[in-house]
Amino acid sequence: WITDYTNSTTCKPNPEYYREICARFDLDPAKCLMIGNNAQEDMEAAAAAGIRGFLIKDCLICEGELPDCPQGTFGDMVQFLADL
C-alpha cells in the first residue's frame, strides 16, 4: 500500500495518518510496528496513534529528543524482528 493524496486524508506527522491506515486494513494499532528513521514524524506520530516503533539510527532524522522506543542500526532492527 502506497499512500498518496488520492487514498489518504492526512499525512505524517499527523497521528491520524497511521490510524487511517490501520482502519483501512482492519488492524489493531497495538499489534503494529512502525520502522522508520524520523524520530518525530515516524516514531512520535505512530506512538500517538498507539503503534510502537523501532527507530533506525543509520540515517537518523531527529529535530529534538530521541523517543523512548527500541532503536539501533539496520542490523539491530533485523535482530529485534527475529526476537519478536
PDB file of N, CA and C in Angstrom:
ATOM      1  N   TRP A   1       0.844  -1.168   0.000  1.00  0.00           N
ATOM      2  CA  TRP A   1       0.000   0.000   0.000  1.00  0.00           C
ATOM      3  C   TRP A   1       0.885   1.225   0.000  1.00  0.00           C
ATOM      4  N   ILE A   2       0.705   2.065  -0.964  1.00  0.00           N
ATOM      5  CA  ILE A   2       1.446   3.323  -1.037  1.00  0.00           C
ATOM      6  C   ILE A   2       0.425   4.442  -0.867  1.00  0.00           C
ATOM      7  N   THR A   3       0.625   5.247   0.152  1.00  0.00           N
ATOM      8  CA  THR A   3      -0.320   6.334   0.405  1.00  0.00           C
ATOM      9  C   THR A   3      -0.001   7.522  -0.498  1.00  0.00           C
ATOM     10  N   ASP A   4      -1.060   8.202  -0.918  1.00  0.00           N
ATOM     11  CA  ASP A   4      -0.921   9.452  -1.668  1.00  0.00           C
ATOM     12  C   ASP A   4      -2.189  10.268  -1.465  1.00  0.00           C
ATOM     13  N   TYR A   5      -2.263  11.400  -2.095  1.00  0.00           N
ATOM     14  CA  TYR A   5      -3.399  12.298  -1.863  1.00  0.00           C
ATOM     15  C   TYR A   5      -4.726  11.741  -2.359  1.00  0.00           C
ATOM     16  N   THR A   6      -4.714  10.682  -3.191  1.00  0.00           N
ATOM     17  CA  THR A   6      -5.977  10.113  -3.676  1.00  0.00           C
ATOM     18  C   THR A   6      -6.558   9.065  -2.736  1.00  0.00           C
ATOM     19  N   ASN A   7      -5.741   8.541  -1.806  1.00  0.00           N
ATOM     20  CA  ASN A   7      -6.254   7.492  -0.926  1.00  0.00           C
ATOM     21  C   ASN A   7      -6.060   7.780   0.559  1.00  0.00           C
ATOM     22  N   SER A   8      -5.575   8.971   0.883  1.00  0.00           N
ATOM     23  CA  SER A   8      -5.353   9.338   2.279  1.00  0.00           C
ATOM     24  C   SER A   8      -5.865  10.752   2.526  1.00  0.00           C
ATOM     25  N   THR A   9      -6.377  10.972   3.723  1.00  0.00           N
ATOM     26  CA  THR A   9      -6.880  12.314   4.042  1.00  0.00           C
ATOM     27  C   THR A   9      -5.900  13.106   4.885  1.00  0.00           C
ATOM     28  N   THR A  10      -4.849  12.436   5.396  1.00  0.00           N
ATOM     29  CA  THR A  10      -3.829  13.106   6.196  1.00  0.00           C
ATOM     30  C   THR A  10      -2.461  12.570   5.792  1.00  0.00           C
ATOM     31  N   CYS A  11      -1.418  13.147   6.373  1.00  0.00           N
ATOM     32  CA  CYS A  11      -0.056  12.681   6.112  1.00  0.00           C
ATOM     33  C   CYS A  11       0.757  12.784   7.398  1.00  0.00           C
ATOM     34  N   LYS A  12       1.952  12.185   7.374  1.00  0.00           N
ATOM     35  CA  LYS A  12       2.842  12.301   8.522  1.00  0.00           C
ATOM     36  C   LYS A  12       3.202  13.767   8.714  1.00  0.00           C
ATOM     37  N   PRO A  13       3.285  14.253   9.913  1.00  0.00           N
ATOM     38  CA  PRO A  13       3.348  13.554  11.185  1.00  0.00           C
ATOM     39  C   PRO A  13       2.012  13.487  11.935  1.00  0.00           C
ATOM     40  N   ASN A  14       0.902  13.660  11.277  1.00  0.00           N
ATOM     41  CA  ASN A  14      -0.403  13.591  11.924  1.00  0.00           C
ATOM     42  C   ASN A  14      -0.677  12.138  12.349  1.00  0.00           C
ATOM     43  N   PRO A  15      -0.920  11.881  13.637  1.00  0.00           N
ATOM     44  CA  PRO A  15      -1.216  10.510  14.082  1.00  0.00           C
ATOM     45  C   PRO A  15      -2.416   9.899  13.358  1.00  0.00           C
ATOM     46  N   GLU A  16      -3.319  10.737  12.876  1.00  0.00           N
ATOM     47  CA  GLU A  16      -4.483  10.232  12.146  1.00  0.00           C
ATOM     48  C   GLU A  16      -4.057   9.491  10.875  1.00  0.00           C
ATOM     49  N   TYR A  17      -2.930   9.845  10.311  1.00  0.00           N
ATOM     50  CA  TYR A  17      -2.383   9.143   9.139  1.00  0.00           C
ATOM     51  C   TYR A  17      -2.238   7.648   9.447  1.00  0.00           C
ATOM     52  N   TYR A  18      -1.655   7.337  10.596  1.00  0.00           N
ATOM     53  CA  TYR A  18      -1.452   5.947  10.996  1.00  0.00           C
ATOM     54  C   TYR A  18      -2.771   5.278  11.355  1.00  0.00           C
ATOM     55  N   ARG A  19      -3.646   5.997  12.026  1.00  0.00           N
ATOM     56  CA  ARG A  19      -4.963   5.441  12.383  1.00  0.00           C
ATOM     57  C   ARG A  19      -5.758   5.093  11.131  1.00  0.00           C
ATOM     58  N   GLU A  20      -5.682   5.946  10.128  1.00  0.00           N
ATOM     59  CA  GLU A  20      -6.416   5.734   8.879  1.00  0.00           C
ATOM     60  C   GLU A  20      -5.929   4.465   8.168  1.00  0.00           C
ATOM     61  N   ILE A  21      -4.637   4.249   8.144  1.00  0.00           N
ATOM     62  CA  ILE A  21      -4.089   3.037   7.525  1.00  0.00           C
ATOM     63  C   ILE A  21      -4.549   1.800   8.290  1.00  0.00           C
ATOM     64  N   CYS A  22      -4.475   1.854   9.610  1.00  0.00           N
ATOM     65  CA  CYS A  22      -4.931   0.718  10.419  1.00  0.00           C
ATOM     66  C   CYS A  22      -6.408   0.433  10.179  1.00  0.00           C
ATOM     67  N   ALA A  23      -7.216   1.472  10.132  1.00  0.00           N
ATOM     68  CA  ALA A  23      -8.650   1.279   9.903  1.00  0.00           C
ATOM     69  C   ALA A  23      -8.910   0.676   8.521  1.00  0.00           C
ATOM     70  N   ARG A  24      -8.196   1.138   7.535  1.00  0.00           N
ATOM     71  CA  ARG A  24      -8.395   0.639   6.171  1.00  0.00           C
ATOM     72  C   ARG A  24      -8.165  -0.866   6.081  1.00  0.00           C
ATOM     73  N   PHE A  25      -7.181  -1.369   6.811  1.00  0.00           N
ATOM     74  CA  PHE A  25      -6.837  -2.785   6.760  1.00  0.00           C
ATOM     75  C   PHE A  25      -7.313  -3.560   7.981  1.00  0.00           C
ATOM     76  N   ASP A  26      -8.175  -2.920   8.793  1.00  0.00           N
ATOM     77  CA  ASP A  26      -8.749  -3.545   9.986  1.00  0.00           C
ATOM     78  C   ASP A  26      -7.652  -4.106  10.899  1.00  0.00           C
ATOM     79  N   LEU A  27      -6.652  -3.259  11.171  1.00  0.00           N
ATOM     80  CA  LEU A  27      -5.527  -3.646  12.019  1.00  0.00           C
ATOM     81  C   LEU A  27      -5.634  -2.985  13.382  1.00  0.00           C
ATOM     82  N   ASP A  28      -5.270  -3.728  14.409  1.00  0.00           N
ATOM     83  CA  ASP A  28      -5.186  -3.188  15.757  1.00  0.00           C
ATOM     84  C   ASP A  28      -3.842  -2.469  15.875  1.00  0.00           C
ATOM     85  N   PRO A  29      -3.835  -1.147  16.101  1.00  0.00           N
ATOM     86  CA  PRO A  29      -2.569  -0.421  16.200  1.00  0.00           C
ATOM     87  C   PRO A  29      -1.601  -1.024  17.213  1.00  0.00           C
ATOM     88  N   ALA A  30      -2.129  -1.602  18.285  1.00  0.00           N
ATOM     89  CA  ALA A  30      -1.275  -2.197  19.311  1.00  0.00           C
ATOM     90  C   ALA A  30      -0.518  -3.423  18.793  1.00  0.00           C
ATOM     91  N   LYS A  31      -0.946  -3.971  17.660  1.00  0.00           N
ATOM     92  CA  LYS A  31      -0.279  -5.134  17.076  1.00  0.00           C
ATOM     93  C   LYS A  31       0.563  -4.766  15.859  1.00  0.00           C
ATOM     94  N   CYS A  32       0.753  -3.464  15.644  1.00  0.00           N
ATOM     95  CA  CYS A  32       1.532  -2.982  14.505  1.00  0.00           C
ATOM     96  C   CYS A  32       2.880  -2.449  14.967  1.00  0.00           C
ATOM     97  N   LEU A  33       3.798  -2.332  14.030  1.00  0.00           N
ATOM     98  CA  LEU A  33       5.127  -1.808  14.311  1.00  0.00           C
ATOM     99  C   LEU A  33       5.515  -0.849  13.194  1.00  0.00           C
ATOM    100  N   MET A  34       5.905   0.355  13.556  1.00  0.00           N
ATOM    101  CA  MET A  34       6.405   1.335  12.600  1.00  0.00           C
ATOM    102  C   MET A  34       7.922   1.295  12.654  1.00  0.00           C
ATOM    103  N   ILE A  35       8.557   1.034  11.523  1.00  0.00           N
ATOM    104  CA  ILE A  35      10.013   1.091  11.428  1.00  0.00           C
ATOM    105  C   ILE A  35      10.334   2.314  10.580  1.00  0.00           C
ATOM    106  N   GLY A  36      11.099   3.216  11.142  1.00  0.00           N
ATOM    107  CA  GLY A  36      11.415   4.435  10.415  1.00  0.00           C
ATOM    108  C   GLY A  36      12.678   5.084  10.925  1.00  0.00           C
ATOM    109  N   ASN A  37      13.070   6.159  10.244  1.00  0.00           N
ATOM    110  CA  ASN A  37      14.299   6.858  10.611  1.00  0.00           C
ATOM    111  C   ASN A  37      14.057   8.277  11.117  1.00  0.00           C
ATOM    112  N   ASN A  38      12.796   8.689  11.179  1.00  0.00           N
ATOM    113  CA  ASN A  38      12.490  10.042  11.621  1.00  0.00           C
ATOM    114  C   ASN A  38      11.883   9.981  13.023  1.00  0.00           C
ATOM    115  N   ALA A  39      12.599  10.542  13.979  1.00  0.00           N
ATOM    116  CA  ALA A  39      12.175  10.454  15.379  1.00  0.00           C
ATOM    117  C   ALA A  39      10.807  11.066  15.616  1.00  0.00           C
ATOM    118  N   GLN A  40      10.511  12.172  14.979  1.00  0.00           N
ATOM    119  CA  GLN A  40       9.243  12.848  15.220  1.00  0.00           C
ATOM    120  C   GLN A  40       8.139  12.329  14.291  1.00  0.00           C
ATOM    121  N   GLU A  41       8.360  12.368  12.980  1.00  0.00           N
ATOM    122  CA  GLU A  41       7.302  12.019  12.021  1.00  0.00           C
ATOM    123  C   GLU A  41       6.965  10.536  12.018  1.00  0.00           C
ATOM    124  N   ASP A  42       7.943   9.698  12.306  1.00  0.00           N
ATOM    125  CA  ASP A  42       7.687   8.256  12.332  1.00  0.00           C
ATOM    126  C   ASP A  42       7.361   7.772  13.744  1.00  0.00           C
ATOM    127  N   MET A  43       8.287   7.938  14.664  1.00  0.00           N
ATOM    128  CA  MET A  43       8.140   7.348  15.996  1.00  0.00           C
ATOM    129  C   MET A  43       7.111   8.057  16.867  1.00  0.00           C
ATOM    130  N   GLU A  44       7.224   9.358  17.020  1.00  0.00           N
ATOM    131  CA  GLU A  44       6.308  10.070  17.915  1.00  0.00           C
ATOM    132  C   GLU A  44       4.886  10.059  17.376  1.00  0.00           C
ATOM    133  N   ALA A  45       4.724  10.251  16.070  1.00  0.00           N
ATOM    134  CA  ALA A  45       3.378  10.261  15.485  1.00  0.00           C
ATOM    135  C   ALA A  45       2.740   8.872  15.561  1.00  0.00           C
ATOM    136  N   ALA A  46       3.514   7.840  15.256  1.00  0.00           N
ATOM    137  CA  ALA A  46       2.978   6.477  15.342  1.00  0.00           C
ATOM    138  C   ALA A  46       2.610   6.136  16.783  1.00  0.00           C
ATOM    139  N   ALA A  47       3.464   6.513  17.726  1.00  0.00           N
ATOM    140  CA  ALA A  47       3.177   6.248  19.142  1.00  0.00           C
ATOM    141  C   ALA A  47       1.890   6.938  19.577  1.00  0.00           C
ATOM    142  N   ALA A  48       1.658   8.140  19.095  1.00  0.00           N
ATOM    143  CA  ALA A  48       0.424   8.862  19.428  1.00  0.00           C
ATOM    144  C   ALA A  48      -0.811   8.141  18.882  1.00  0.00           C
ATOM    145  N   ALA A  49      -0.617   7.325  17.841  1.00  0.00           N
ATOM    146  CA  ALA A  49      -1.718   6.542  17.273  1.00  0.00           C
ATOM    147  C   ALA A  49      -1.806   5.157  17.899  1.00  0.00           C
ATOM    148  N   GLY A  50      -0.950   4.873  18.874  1.00  0.00           N
ATOM    149  CA  GLY A  50      -0.990   3.581  19.549  1.00  0.00           C
ATOM    150  C   GLY A  50      -0.127   2.517  18.907  1.00  0.00           C
ATOM    151  N   ILE A  51       0.796   2.923  18.029  1.00  0.00           N
ATOM    152  CA  ILE A  51       1.668   1.986  17.323  1.00  0.00           C
ATOM    153  C   ILE A  51       3.077   2.097  17.899  1.00  0.00           C
ATOM    154  N   ARG A  52       3.659   0.958  18.249  1.00  0.00           N
ATOM    155  CA  ARG A  52       5.041   1.015  18.740  1.00  0.00           C
ATOM    156  C   ARG A  52       5.986   1.123  17.550  1.00  0.00           C
ATOM    157  N   GLY A  53       7.221   1.501  17.841  1.00  0.00           N
ATOM    158  CA  GLY A  53       8.145   1.724  16.742  1.00  0.00           C
ATOM    159  C   GLY A  53       9.549   1.246  17.019  1.00  0.00           C
ATOM    160  N   PHE A  54      10.310   1.148  15.946  1.00  0.00           N
ATOM    161  CA  PHE A  54      11.744   0.904  16.007  1.00  0.00           C
ATOM    162  C   PHE A  54      12.402   1.990  15.179  1.00  0.00           C
ATOM    163  N   LEU A  55      13.286   2.752  15.806  1.00  0.00           N
ATOM    164  CA  LEU A  55      13.940   3.884  15.154  1.00  0.00           C
ATOM    165  C   LEU A  55      15.276   3.445  14.567  1.00  0.00           C
ATOM    166  N   ILE A  56      15.403   3.575  13.252  1.00  0.00           N
ATOM    167  CA  ILE A  56      16.648   3.283  12.553  1.00  0.00           C
ATOM    168  C   ILE A  56      17.565   4.489  12.696  1.00  0.00           C
ATOM    169  N   LYS A  57      18.742   4.272  13.265  1.00  0.00           N
ATOM    170  CA  LYS A  57      19.653   5.384  13.507  1.00  0.00           C
ATOM    171  C   LYS A  57      20.748   5.515  12.461  1.00  0.00           C
ATOM    172  N   ASP A  58      20.802   4.588  11.479  1.00  0.00           N
ATOM    173  CA  ASP A  58      21.813   4.678  10.427  1.00  0.00           C
ATOM    174  C   ASP A  58      21.639   5.943   9.589  1.00  0.00           C
ATOM    175  N   CYS A  59      20.428   6.369   9.407  1.00  0.00           N
ATOM    176  CA  CYS A  59      20.117   7.563   8.600  1.00  0.00           C
ATOM    177  C   CYS A  59      19.109   8.423   9.370  1.00  0.00           C
ATOM    178  N   LEU A  60      19.426   8.674  10.605  1.00  0.00           N
ATOM    179  CA  LEU A  60      18.531   9.321  11.558  1.00  0.00           C
ATOM    180  C   LEU A  60      18.178  10.761  11.175  1.00  0.00           C
ATOM    181  N   ILE A  61      16.888  11.068  11.325  1.00  0.00           N
ATOM    182  CA  ILE A  61      16.387  12.442  11.247  1.00  0.00           C
ATOM    183  C   ILE A  61      15.766  12.717  12.608  1.00  0.00           C
ATOM    184  N   CYS A  62      16.321  13.667  13.317  1.00  0.00           N
ATOM    185  CA  CYS A  62      15.830  13.977  14.655  1.00  0.00           C
ATOM    186  C   CYS A  62      15.972  15.473  14.899  1.00  0.00           C
ATOM    187  N   GLU A  63      14.865  16.122  15.162  1.00  0.00           N
ATOM    188  CA  GLU A  63      14.866  17.558  15.400  1.00  0.00           C
ATOM    189  C   GLU A  63      14.540  17.885  16.848  1.00  0.00           C
ATOM    190  N   GLY A  64      14.894  16.999  17.733  1.00  0.00           N
ATOM    191  CA  GLY A  64      14.613  17.180  19.158  1.00  0.00           C
ATOM    192  C   GLY A  64      15.175  16.012  19.926  1.00  0.00           C
ATOM    193  N   GLU A  65      14.440  15.613  20.941  1.00  0.00           N
ATOM    194  CA  GLU A  65      14.850  14.487  21.774  1.00  0.00           C
ATOM    195  C   GLU A  65      14.610  13.163  21.048  1.00  0.00           C
ATOM    196  N   LEU A  66      15.449  12.191  21.347  1.00  0.00           N
ATOM    197  CA  LEU A  66      15.197  10.847  20.845  1.00  0.00           C
ATOM    198  C   LEU A  66      14.026  10.248  21.607  1.00  0.00           C
ATOM    199  N   PRO A  67      13.114   9.590  20.924  1.00  0.00           N
ATOM    200  CA  PRO A  67      11.959   8.999  21.605  1.00  0.00           C
ATOM    201  C   PRO A  67      12.365   7.782  22.424  1.00  0.00           C
ATOM    202  N   ASP A  68      11.513   7.427  23.347  1.00  0.00           N
ATOM    203  CA  ASP A  68      11.712   6.248  24.180  1.00  0.00           C
ATOM    204  C   ASP A  68      11.128   5.050  23.448  1.00  0.00           C
ATOM    205  N   CYS A  69      11.921   4.445  22.591  1.00  0.00           N
ATOM    206  CA  CYS A  69      11.498   3.271  21.839  1.00  0.00           C
ATOM    207  C   CYS A  69      12.742   2.489  21.458  1.00  0.00           C
ATOM    208  N   PRO A  70      12.572   1.237  21.059  1.00  0.00           N
ATOM    209  CA  PRO A  70      13.729   0.488  20.584  1.00  0.00           C
ATOM    210  C   PRO A  70      14.362   1.220  19.401  1.00  0.00           C
ATOM    211  N   GLN A  71      15.688   1.191  19.314  1.00  0.00           N
ATOM    212  CA  GLN A  71      16.380   1.892  18.237  1.00  0.00           C
ATOM    213  C   GLN A  71      17.750   1.292  18.013  1.00  0.00           C
ATOM    214  N   GLY A  72      18.265   1.496  16.828  1.00  0.00           N
ATOM    215  CA  GLY A  72      19.590   0.993  16.500  1.00  0.00           C
ATOM    216  C   GLY A  72      19.819   0.997  15.009  1.00  0.00           C
ATOM    217  N   THR A  73      20.787   0.205  14.591  1.00  0.00           N
ATOM    218  CA  THR A  73      21.170   0.104  13.184  1.00  0.00           C
ATOM    219  C   THR A  73      20.194  -0.804  12.434  1.00  0.00           C
ATOM    220  N   PHE A  74      20.391  -0.886  11.110  1.00  0.00           N
ATOM    221  CA  PHE A  74      19.590  -1.827  10.336  1.00  0.00           C
ATOM    222  C   PHE A  74      19.800  -3.250  10.856  1.00  0.00           C
ATOM    223  N   GLY A  75      21.040  -3.587  11.190  1.00  0.00           N
ATOM    224  CA  GLY A  75      21.327  -4.913  11.758  1.00  0.00           C
ATOM    225  C   GLY A  75      20.621  -5.144  13.076  1.00  0.00           C
ATOM    226  N   ASP A  76      20.585  -4.112  13.918  1.00  0.00           N
ATOM    227  CA  ASP A  76      19.866  -4.217  15.195  1.00  0.00           C
ATOM    228  C   ASP A  76      18.380  -4.455  14.951  1.00  0.00           C
ATOM    229  N   MET A  77      17.831  -3.815  13.910  1.00  0.00           N
ATOM    230  CA  MET A  77      16.422  -3.989  13.591  1.00  0.00           C
ATOM    231  C   MET A  77      16.132  -5.421  13.185  1.00  0.00           C
ATOM    232  N   VAL A  78      17.010  -6.008  12.382  1.00  0.00           N
ATOM    233  CA  VAL A  78      16.816  -7.397  11.961  1.00  0.00           C
ATOM    234  C   VAL A  78      16.788  -8.300  13.193  1.00  0.00           C
ATOM    235  N   GLN A  79      17.694  -8.068  14.128  1.00  0.00           N
ATOM    236  CA  GLN A  79      17.712  -8.872  15.346  1.00  0.00           C
ATOM    237  C   GLN A  79      16.470  -8.623  16.193  1.00  0.00           C
ATOM    238  N   PHE A  80      16.035  -7.370  16.268  1.00  0.00           N
ATOM    239  CA  PHE A  80      14.814  -7.016  17.000  1.00  0.00           C
ATOM    240  C   PHE A  80      13.621  -7.788  16.440  1.00  0.00           C
ATOM    241  N   LEU A  81      13.501  -7.824  15.106  1.00  0.00           N
ATOM    242  CA  LEU A  81      12.397  -8.536  14.469  1.00  0.00           C
ATOM    243  C   LEU A  81      12.499 -10.037  14.709  1.00  0.00           C
ATOM    244  N   ALA A  82      13.695 -10.564  14.668  1.00  0.00           N
ATOM    245  CA  ALA A  82      13.890 -12.004  14.904  1.00  0.00           C
ATOM    246  C   ALA A  82      13.501 -12.388  16.325  1.00  0.00           C
ATOM    247  N   ASP A  83      13.680 -11.458  17.267  1.00  0.00           N
ATOM    248  CA  ASP A  83      13.380 -11.724  18.669  1.00  0.00           C
ATOM    249  C   ASP A  83      11.899 -11.545  19.012  1.00  0.00           C
ATOM    250  N   LEU A  84      11.105 -11.027  18.096  1.00  0.00           N
ATOM    251  CA  LEU A  84       9.681 -10.816  18.398  1.00  0.00           C
ATOM    252  C   LEU A  84       8.955 -12.129  18.580  1.00  0.00           C
TER     253      LEU A  84
END
